[in-house]
C-alpha atoms as a PDB file:
ATOM      1  CA  UNK A   1      -1.130 -29.428   0.159  1.00  0.00           C
ATOM      2  CA  UNK A   2      -1.179 -26.081   1.959  1.00  0.00           C
ATOM      3  CA  UNK A   3       2.249 -24.475   2.145  1.00  0.00           C
ATOM      4  CA  UNK A   4       3.735 -23.569   5.510  1.00  0.00           C
ATOM      5  CA  UNK A   5       6.135 -20.628   5.487  1.00  0.00           C
ATOM      6  CA  UNK A   6       8.810 -20.811   8.141  1.00  0.00           C
ATOM      7  CA  UNK A   7       9.287 -17.613  10.146  1.00  0.00           C
ATOM      8  CA  UNK A   8      12.939 -17.551   9.061  1.00  0.00           C
ATOM      9  CA  UNK A   9      11.796 -17.289   5.430  1.00  0.00           C
ATOM     10  CA  UNK A  10       9.141 -14.606   5.928  1.00  0.00           C
ATOM     11  CA  UNK A  11      11.483 -11.686   5.217  1.00  0.00           C
ATOM     12  CA  UNK A  12      12.545 -13.123   1.877  1.00  0.00           C
ATOM     13  CA  UNK A  13       8.966 -13.911   0.864  1.00  0.00           C
ATOM     14  CA  UNK A  14       7.826 -10.424   1.844  1.00  0.00           C
ATOM     15  CA  UNK A  15      10.713  -8.954  -0.175  1.00  0.00           C
ATOM     16  CA  UNK A  16       9.624 -10.872  -3.270  1.00  0.00           C
ATOM     17  CA  UNK A  17       5.960  -9.941  -2.895  1.00  0.00           C
ATOM     18  CA  UNK A  18       6.773  -6.281  -2.325  1.00  0.00           C
ATOM     19  CA  UNK A  19       8.920  -6.254  -5.448  1.00  0.00           C
ATOM     20  CA  UNK A  20       6.056  -7.812  -7.405  1.00  0.00           C
ATOM     21  CA  UNK A  21       3.652  -5.134  -6.153  1.00  0.00           C
ATOM     22  CA  UNK A  22       5.888  -2.172  -6.883  1.00  0.00           C
ATOM     23  CA  UNK A  23       6.868  -3.512 -10.301  1.00  0.00           C
ATOM     24  CA  UNK A  24       3.149  -3.876 -11.111  1.00  0.00           C
ATOM     25  CA  UNK A  25       2.526  -0.337  -9.856  1.00  0.00           C
ATOM     26  CA  UNK A  26       5.361   1.032 -11.986  1.00  0.00           C
ATOM     27  CA  UNK A  27       4.052  -0.719 -15.099  1.00  0.00           C
ATOM     28  CA  UNK A  28       0.533   0.575 -14.490  1.00  0.00           C
ATOM     29  CA  UNK A  29       1.896   4.127 -14.198  1.00  0.00           C
ATOM     30  CA  UNK A  30       4.085   3.827 -17.273  1.00  0.00           C
ATOM     31  CA  UNK A  31       7.239   4.059 -15.156  1.00  0.00           C
ATOM     32  CA  UNK A  32      10.530   2.191 -15.427  1.00  0.00           C
ATOM     33  CA  UNK A  33      11.470  -0.825 -13.326  1.00  0.00           C
ATOM     34  CA  UNK A  34      15.108  -1.789 -12.757  1.00  0.00           C
ATOM     35  CA  UNK A  35      15.673  -5.383 -11.660  1.00  0.00           C
ATOM     36  CA  UNK A  36      18.916  -6.643 -10.163  1.00  0.00           C
ATOM     37  CA  UNK A  37      19.864  -9.674  -8.086  1.00  0.00           C
ATOM     38  CA  UNK A  38      19.888  -7.694  -4.843  1.00  0.00           C
ATOM     39  CA  UNK A  39      17.243  -5.033  -5.435  1.00  0.00           C
ATOM     40  CA  UNK A  40      14.347  -3.885  -7.563  1.00  0.00           C
ATOM     41  CA  UNK A  41      13.768  -0.185  -8.240  1.00  0.00           C
ATOM     42  CA  UNK A  42      10.437   1.304  -9.311  1.00  0.00           C
ATOM     43  CA  UNK A  43      11.564   4.585 -10.882  1.00  0.00           C
ATOM     44  CA  UNK A  44       8.835   7.219 -10.728  1.00  0.00           C
ATOM     45  CA  UNK A  45       8.304  10.928 -11.277  1.00  0.00           C
ATOM     46  CA  UNK A  46       8.454  13.985  -9.034  1.00  0.00           C
ATOM     47  CA  UNK A  47       5.256  13.000  -7.181  1.00  0.00           C
ATOM     48  CA  UNK A  48       5.349   9.202  -7.082  1.00  0.00           C
ATOM     49  CA  UNK A  49       9.077   9.125  -6.386  1.00  0.00           C
ATOM     50  CA  UNK A  50      11.353   6.102  -6.651  1.00  0.00           C
ATOM     51  CA  UNK A  51      11.175   3.027  -4.416  1.00  0.00           C
ATOM     52  CA  UNK A  52      13.972   0.512  -3.880  1.00  0.00           C
ATOM     53  CA  UNK A  53      13.055  -2.983  -2.712  1.00  0.00           C
ATOM     54  CA  UNK A  54      16.049  -4.859  -1.350  1.00  0.00           C
ATOM     55  CA  UNK A  55      15.797  -8.528  -2.282  1.00  0.00           C
ATOM     56  CA  UNK A  56      18.859  -9.964  -0.562  1.00  0.00           C
ATOM     57  CA  UNK A  57      20.679  -9.279   2.724  1.00  0.00           C
ATOM     58  CA  UNK A  58      24.165  -9.489   1.216  1.00  0.00           C
ATOM     59  CA  UNK A  59      24.650  -6.612  -1.232  1.00  0.00           C
ATOM     60  CA  UNK A  60      28.122  -6.545  -2.743  1.00  0.00           C
ATOM     61  CA  UNK A  61      30.119  -3.313  -2.855  1.00  0.00           C
ATOM     62  CA  UNK A  62      29.261  -2.942  -6.555  1.00  0.00           C
ATOM     63  CA  UNK A  63      25.545  -3.530  -5.953  1.00  0.00           C
ATOM     64  CA  UNK A  64      25.477  -0.993  -3.128  1.00  0.00           C
ATOM     65  CA  UNK A  65      27.355   1.517  -5.282  1.00  0.00           C
ATOM     66  CA  UNK A  66      24.838   1.119  -8.119  1.00  0.00           C
ATOM     67  CA  UNK A  67      21.901   1.510  -5.740  1.00  0.00           C
ATOM     68  CA  UNK A  68      23.495   4.626  -4.235  1.00  0.00           C
ATOM     69  CA  UNK A  69      24.075   6.145  -7.682  1.00  0.00           C
ATOM     70  CA  UNK A  70      20.520   5.392  -8.815  1.00  0.00           C
ATOM     71  CA  UNK A  71      19.101   6.850  -5.601  1.00  0.00           C
ATOM     72  CA  UNK A  72      21.087  10.075  -6.031  1.00  0.00           C
ATOM     73  CA  UNK A  73      19.713  10.517  -9.560  1.00  0.00           C
ATOM     74  CA  UNK A  74      16.185   9.663  -8.407  1.00  0.00           C
ATOM     75  CA  UNK A  75      16.314  12.126  -5.530  1.00  0.00           C
ATOM     76  CA  UNK A  76      16.973  14.933  -7.989  1.00  0.00           C
ATOM     77  CA  UNK A  77      13.558  14.166  -9.516  1.00  0.00           C
ATOM     78  CA  UNK A  78      11.434  13.360  -6.470  1.00  0.00           C
ATOM     79  CA  UNK A  79      11.185  11.518  -3.142  1.00  0.00           C
ATOM     80  CA  UNK A  80      13.065   8.259  -2.536  1.00  0.00           C
ATOM     81  CA  UNK A  81      11.983   5.294  -0.409  1.00  0.00           C
ATOM     82  CA  UNK A  82      13.907   2.100   0.273  1.00  0.00           C
ATOM     83  CA  UNK A  83      12.710  -1.063   2.010  1.00  0.00           C
ATOM     84  CA  UNK A  84      15.174  -3.510   3.578  1.00  0.00           C
ATOM     85  CA  UNK A  85      13.120  -6.367   5.080  1.00  0.00           C
ATOM     86  CA  UNK A  86      16.334  -7.972   6.370  1.00  0.00           C
ATOM     87  CA  UNK A  87      17.597  -4.815   8.168  1.00  0.00           C
ATOM     88  CA  UNK A  88      21.016  -5.889   6.934  1.00  0.00           C
ATOM     89  CA  UNK A  89      22.210  -3.075   4.648  1.00  0.00           C
ATOM     90  CA  UNK A  90      23.432   0.343   5.794  1.00  0.00           C
ATOM     91  CA  UNK A  91      21.884   2.947   3.491  1.00  0.00           C
ATOM     92  CA  UNK A  92      22.864   5.968   5.589  1.00  0.00           C
ATOM     93  CA  UNK A  93      24.975   7.262   2.685  1.00  0.00           C
ATOM     94  CA  UNK A  94      21.701   8.072   0.891  1.00  0.00           C
ATOM     95  CA  UNK A  95      20.968  10.797   3.484  1.00  0.00           C
ATOM     96  CA  UNK A  96      17.526   9.405   4.174  1.00  0.00           C
ATOM     97  CA  UNK A  97      15.750   9.086   7.507  1.00  0.00           C
ATOM     98  CA  UNK A  98      15.206   5.515   8.706  1.00  0.00           C
ATOM     99  CA  UNK A  99      12.721   3.702  10.900  1.00  0.00           C
ATOM    100  CA  UNK A 100      11.757   0.100  11.540  1.00  0.00           C
ATOM    101  CA  UNK A 101       8.523  -1.842  11.233  1.00  0.00           C
ATOM    102  CA  UNK A 102       7.851  -5.527  11.904  1.00  0.00           C
ATOM    103  CA  UNK A 103       7.439  -8.080   9.144  1.00  0.00           C
ATOM    104  CA  UNK A 104       4.500 -10.293  10.074  1.00  0.00           C
ATOM    105  CA  UNK A 105       3.427 -13.736   8.870  1.00  0.00           C
ATOM    106  CA  UNK A 106       0.035 -15.444   8.862  1.00  0.00           C
ATOM    107  CA  UNK A 107      -0.303 -19.092   7.947  1.00  0.00           C
ATOM    108  CA  UNK A 108      -3.224 -20.253   5.823  1.00  0.00           C
ATOM    109  CA  UNK A 109      -6.518 -20.354   7.693  1.00  0.00           C
ATOM    110  CA  UNK A 110     -10.148 -19.311   7.674  1.00  0.00           C
ATOM    111  CA  UNK A 111     -11.254 -15.779   8.537  1.00  0.00           C
ATOM    112  CA  UNK A 112     -14.504 -14.309   9.821  1.00  0.00           C
ATOM    113  CA  UNK A 113     -16.838 -12.292   7.647  1.00  0.00           C
ATOM    114  CA  UNK A 114     -16.433  -8.502   7.829  1.00  0.00           C
ATOM    115  CA  UNK A 115     -19.135  -6.591   9.690  1.00  0.00           C
ATOM    116  CA  UNK A 116     -19.574  -4.126   6.832  1.00  0.00           C
ATOM    117  CA  UNK A 117     -19.533  -4.341   3.056  1.00  0.00           C
ATOM    118  CA  UNK A 118     -16.100  -4.952   1.546  1.00  0.00           C
ATOM    119  CA  UNK A 119     -15.788  -5.258  -2.216  1.00  0.00           C
ATOM    120  CA  UNK A 120     -13.158  -5.257  -4.907  1.00  0.00           C
ATOM    121  CA  UNK A 121     -12.791  -1.892  -6.563  1.00  0.00           C
ATOM    122  CA  UNK A 122     -13.865  -2.318 -10.169  1.00  0.00           C
ATOM    123  CA  UNK A 123     -15.527   0.988 -11.051  1.00  0.00           C
ATOM    124  CA  UNK A 124     -13.819   4.347 -11.435  1.00  0.00           C
ATOM    125  CA  UNK A 125     -15.786   5.615  -8.421  1.00  0.00           C
ATOM    126  CA  UNK A 126     -14.527   2.780  -6.220  1.00  0.00           C
ATOM    127  CA  UNK A 127     -10.957   3.220  -7.398  1.00  0.00           C
ATOM    128  CA  UNK A 128     -11.035   6.969  -6.811  1.00  0.00           C
ATOM    129  CA  UNK A 129     -12.593   6.387  -3.386  1.00  0.00           C
ATOM    130  CA  UNK A 130      -9.815   3.930  -2.537  1.00  0.00           C
ATOM    131  CA  UNK A 131      -7.218   6.490  -3.610  1.00  0.00           C
ATOM    132  CA  UNK A 132      -8.708   9.165  -1.383  1.00  0.00           C
ATOM    133  CA  UNK A 133      -8.964   6.799   1.585  1.00  0.00           C
ATOM    134  CA  UNK A 134      -5.319   5.738   1.267  1.00  0.00           C
ATOM    135  CA  UNK A 135      -3.957   9.230   0.604  1.00  0.00           C
ATOM    136  CA  UNK A 136      -5.901  10.635   3.563  1.00  0.00           C
ATOM    137  CA  UNK A 137      -5.206   7.658   5.807  1.00  0.00           C
ATOM    138  CA  UNK A 138      -1.452   7.748   5.219  1.00  0.00           C
ATOM    139  CA  UNK A 139      -1.243  11.525   4.840  1.00  0.00           C
ATOM    140  CA  UNK A 140       0.465  11.106   1.474  1.00  0.00           C
ATOM    141  CA  UNK A 141       0.972  14.788   0.796  1.00  0.00           C
ATOM    142  CA  UNK A 142       3.082  13.968  -2.259  1.00  0.00           C
ATOM    143  CA  UNK A 143      -0.160  13.025  -4.025  1.00  0.00           C
ATOM    144  CA  UNK A 144      -1.992  16.238  -3.094  1.00  0.00           C
ATOM    145  CA  UNK A 145      -3.856  17.755  -4.747  1.00  0.00           C
ATOM    146  CA  UNK A 146      -5.313  14.374  -5.626  1.00  0.00           C
ATOM    147  CA  UNK A 147      -5.290  13.474  -9.316  1.00  0.00           C
ATOM    148  CA  UNK A 148      -7.655  10.597 -10.007  1.00  0.00           C
ATOM    149  CA  UNK A 149      -5.849   7.541 -11.286  1.00  0.00           C
ATOM    150  CA  UNK A 150      -2.370   8.724 -10.352  1.00  0.00           C
ATOM    151  CA  UNK A 151      -1.722   6.647  -7.237  1.00  0.00           C
ATOM    152  CA  UNK A 152      -3.953   3.726  -8.228  1.00  0.00           C
ATOM    153  CA  UNK A 153      -4.181   3.664 -12.039  1.00  0.00           C
ATOM    154  CA  UNK A 154      -6.959   1.583 -13.558  1.00  0.00           C
ATOM    155  CA  UNK A 155      -4.256  -0.454 -15.314  1.00  0.00           C
ATOM    156  CA  UNK A 156      -3.150  -1.723 -11.887  1.00  0.00           C
ATOM    157  CA  UNK A 157      -6.343  -3.789 -11.662  1.00  0.00           C
ATOM    158  CA  UNK A 158      -5.258  -5.746 -14.753  1.00  0.00           C
ATOM    159  CA  UNK A 159      -1.980  -6.810 -13.149  1.00  0.00           C
ATOM    160  CA  UNK A 160      -1.962 -10.536 -12.208  1.00  0.00           C
ATOM    161  CA  UNK A 161      -2.705 -11.147  -8.542  1.00  0.00           C
ATOM    162  CA  UNK A 162      -3.364  -7.481  -7.698  1.00  0.00           C
ATOM    163  CA  UNK A 163      -6.672  -6.329  -6.198  1.00  0.00           C
ATOM    164  CA  UNK A 164      -7.902  -3.139  -4.566  1.00  0.00           C
ATOM    165  CA  UNK A 165     -10.512  -3.528  -1.826  1.00  0.00           C
ATOM    166  CA  UNK A 166     -12.815  -0.909  -0.326  1.00  0.00           C
ATOM    167  CA  UNK A 167     -14.858  -0.984   2.879  1.00  0.00           C
ATOM    168  CA  UNK A 168     -18.198   0.839   2.823  1.00  0.00           C
ATOM    169  CA  UNK A 169     -19.694   2.425   5.948  1.00  0.00           C
ATOM    170  CA  UNK A 170     -22.799   4.630   6.013  1.00  0.00           C
ATOM    171  CA  UNK A 171     -22.803   4.605   2.225  1.00  0.00           C
ATOM    172  CA  UNK A 172     -19.270   5.981   1.928  1.00  0.00           C
ATOM    173  CA  UNK A 173     -15.912   4.398   1.155  1.00  0.00           C
ATOM    174  CA  UNK A 174     -14.369   4.395   4.621  1.00  0.00           C
ATOM    175  CA  UNK A 175     -11.174   2.442   4.035  1.00  0.00           C
ATOM    176  CA  UNK A 176      -9.165   0.590   1.434  1.00  0.00           C
ATOM    177  CA  UNK A 177      -6.184  -1.635   0.833  1.00  0.00           C
ATOM    178  CA  UNK A 178      -4.247  -3.278  -1.973  1.00  0.00           C
ATOM    179  CA  UNK A 179      -3.659  -7.026  -1.900  1.00  0.00           C
ATOM    180  CA  UNK A 180      -1.161  -8.991  -3.956  1.00  0.00           C
ATOM    181  CA  UNK A 181      -1.028 -12.752  -4.467  1.00  0.00           C
ATOM    182  CA  UNK A 182       2.251 -13.829  -6.046  1.00  0.00           C
ATOM    183  CA  UNK A 183       4.150 -17.131  -6.000  1.00  0.00           C
ATOM    184  CA  UNK A 184       1.671 -18.716  -3.607  1.00  0.00           C
ATOM    185  CA  UNK A 185       1.862 -15.931  -1.025  1.00  0.00           C
ATOM    186  CA  UNK A 186      -0.494 -13.077  -0.225  1.00  0.00           C
ATOM    187  CA  UNK A 187       0.389  -9.663   1.134  1.00  0.00           C
ATOM    188  CA  UNK A 188      -1.280  -6.338   1.858  1.00  0.00           C
ATOM    189  CA  UNK A 189      -0.314  -2.747   1.136  1.00  0.00           C
ATOM    190  CA  UNK A 190      -1.831   0.619   1.980  1.00  0.00           C
ATOM    191  CA  UNK A 191      -4.370  -0.547   4.557  1.00  0.00           C
ATOM    192  CA  UNK A 192      -5.725   2.949   5.088  1.00  0.00           C
ATOM    193  CA  UNK A 193      -8.626   4.569   6.942  1.00  0.00           C
ATOM    194  CA  UNK A 194      -9.238   8.339   6.932  1.00  0.00           C
ATOM    195  CA  UNK A 195      -9.381   9.916  10.379  1.00  0.00           C
ATOM    196  CA  UNK A 196     -13.144  10.485  10.179  1.00  0.00           C
ATOM    197  CA  UNK A 197     -13.767   6.716  10.027  1.00  0.00           C
ATOM    198  CA  UNK A 198     -11.224   5.439  12.509  1.00  0.00           C
ATOM    199  CA  UNK A 199     -12.097   3.357  15.590  1.00  0.00           C
ATOM    200  CA  UNK A 200     -15.175   1.976  13.835  1.00  0.00           C
ATOM    201  CA  UNK A 201     -13.793  -1.383  12.698  1.00  0.00           C
ATOM    202  CA  UNK A 202     -13.022  -0.304   9.148  1.00  0.00           C
ATOM    203  CA  UNK A 203      -9.421  -1.537   9.103  1.00  0.00           C
ATOM    204  CA  UNK A 204     -10.462  -4.948  10.427  1.00  0.00           C
ATOM    205  CA  UNK A 205     -13.260  -5.177   7.900  1.00  0.00           C
ATOM    206  CA  UNK A 206     -11.114  -4.386   4.874  1.00  0.00           C
ATOM    207  CA  UNK A 207      -8.473  -6.869   6.059  1.00  0.00           C
ATOM    208  CA  UNK A 208     -11.047  -9.629   6.565  1.00  0.00           C
ATOM    209  CA  UNK A 209     -12.608  -8.944   3.197  1.00  0.00           C
ATOM    210  CA  UNK A 210      -9.286  -9.114   1.381  1.00  0.00           C
ATOM    211  CA  UNK A 211      -8.069 -12.139   3.361  1.00  0.00           C
ATOM    212  CA  UNK A 212     -11.069 -14.122   2.129  1.00  0.00           C
ATOM    213  CA  UNK A 213      -9.104 -14.852  -1.060  1.00  0.00           C
ATOM    214  CA  UNK A 214      -6.047 -15.953   0.961  1.00  0.00           C
ATOM    215  CA  UNK A 215      -7.448 -18.540   3.353  1.00  0.00           C
ATOM    216  CA  UNK A 216      -5.546 -21.359   1.647  1.00  0.00           C
ATOM    217  CA  UNK A 217      -2.194 -19.597   1.327  1.00  0.00           C
ATOM    218  CA  UNK A 218       0.176 -17.913   3.803  1.00  0.00           C
ATOM    219  CA  UNK A 219       0.345 -14.135   3.941  1.00  0.00           C
ATOM    220  CA  UNK A 220       2.904 -11.561   5.029  1.00  0.00           C
ATOM    221  CA  UNK A 221       2.863  -7.805   5.555  1.00  0.00           C
ATOM    222  CA  UNK A 222       4.895  -5.011   7.069  1.00  0.00           C
ATOM    223  CA  UNK A 223       3.022  -3.425   9.946  1.00  0.00           C
ATOM    224  CA  UNK A 224       2.905   0.086  11.321  1.00  0.00           C
ATOM    225  CA  UNK A 225       2.960   0.558  15.093  1.00  0.00           C
ATOM    226  CA  UNK A 226      -0.752   1.344  15.083  1.00  0.00           C
ATOM    227  CA  UNK A 227      -1.622  -1.542  12.791  1.00  0.00           C
ATOM    228  CA  UNK A 228       0.290  -4.288  14.585  1.00  0.00           C
ATOM    229  CA  UNK A 229      -2.384  -5.084  17.235  1.00  0.00           C
ATOM    230  CA  UNK A 230      -5.008  -5.509  14.503  1.00  0.00           C
ATOM    231  CA  UNK A 231      -2.821  -7.869  12.518  1.00  0.00           C
ATOM    232  CA  UNK A 232      -1.936  -9.894  15.607  1.00  0.00           C
ATOM    233  CA  UNK A 233      -5.654 -10.334  16.296  1.00  0.00           C
ATOM    234  CA  UNK A 234      -6.008 -11.733  12.760  1.00  0.00           C
ATOM    235  CA  UNK A 235      -3.350 -14.400  13.344  1.00  0.00           C
ATOM    236  CA  UNK A 236      -0.205 -12.612  12.160  1.00  0.00           C
ATOM    237  CA  UNK A 237       3.034 -13.054  14.113  1.00  0.00           C
ATOM    238  CA  UNK A 238       6.186 -10.941  14.018  1.00  0.00           C
ATOM    239  CA  UNK A 239       9.109 -12.665  12.302  1.00  0.00           C
ATOM    240  CA  UNK A 240      11.656  -9.831  12.216  1.00  0.00           C
ATOM    241  CA  UNK A 241      12.178  -6.136  11.678  1.00  0.00           C
ATOM    242  CA  UNK A 242      12.258  -4.325   8.348  1.00  0.00           C
ATOM    243  CA  UNK A 243      14.195  -1.071   8.010  1.00  0.00           C
ATOM    244  CA  UNK A 244      12.683   1.636   5.817  1.00  0.00           C
ATOM    245  CA  UNK A 245      14.581   4.623   4.493  1.00  0.00           C
ATOM    246  CA  UNK A 246      12.764   7.739   3.312  1.00  0.00           C
ATOM    247  CA  UNK A 247      13.413  11.220   2.001  1.00  0.00           C
ATOM    248  CA  UNK A 248      13.000  13.642   4.950  1.00  0.00           C
ATOM    249  CA  UNK A 249       9.718  15.562   4.930  1.00  0.00           C
END
């Protein structure tokens, strides 16, 4: 029987999937993961930085104090990011800038075929092309100059439920994303298109191609302002707002 995720549960399910993705990323990079009841931390280096994934909306004073201490140590090494899908915890003491993005939910259902080639990245060339597309698309200056295999290590492809997808246009990798299927739920990360390929249907294509493996399960994601209309057209609905905290540029 196909599972139905209630909108009220979408934030929690997104929190769990995001933690699964970042823990997989940390393992593939050889970095440490710290797991607590209320948060998961993927502890990286001076370029990758450290990411905190809040798992619960009700951090105790001790849990918040530990997170704050870990973030202070991490910030001495590199950038810090924190995701609170519940928008329930005040992290202003970390001296990070904050912004909000909607958590969106799509129930199981069929999708159309993409209008261009979309394939799983399996070769080094595809993986490196996906890295470049995401770094350029998101302007991830922390990963410049680009070092092949740093953002998307080959070991990431061996992590259960993780896949990297690339869209090909005019013979070039024009966009990419990472998808994660965990605990019966799919989600997407880094849906990126370099500026040279934008407004040509690349983002839609890479989403459709990756959603083909999720037609029988629900899916969540956190959407940027620019991405939200695309996701709504694919059947996603907003269930709440996620607050993100980030080291100032």
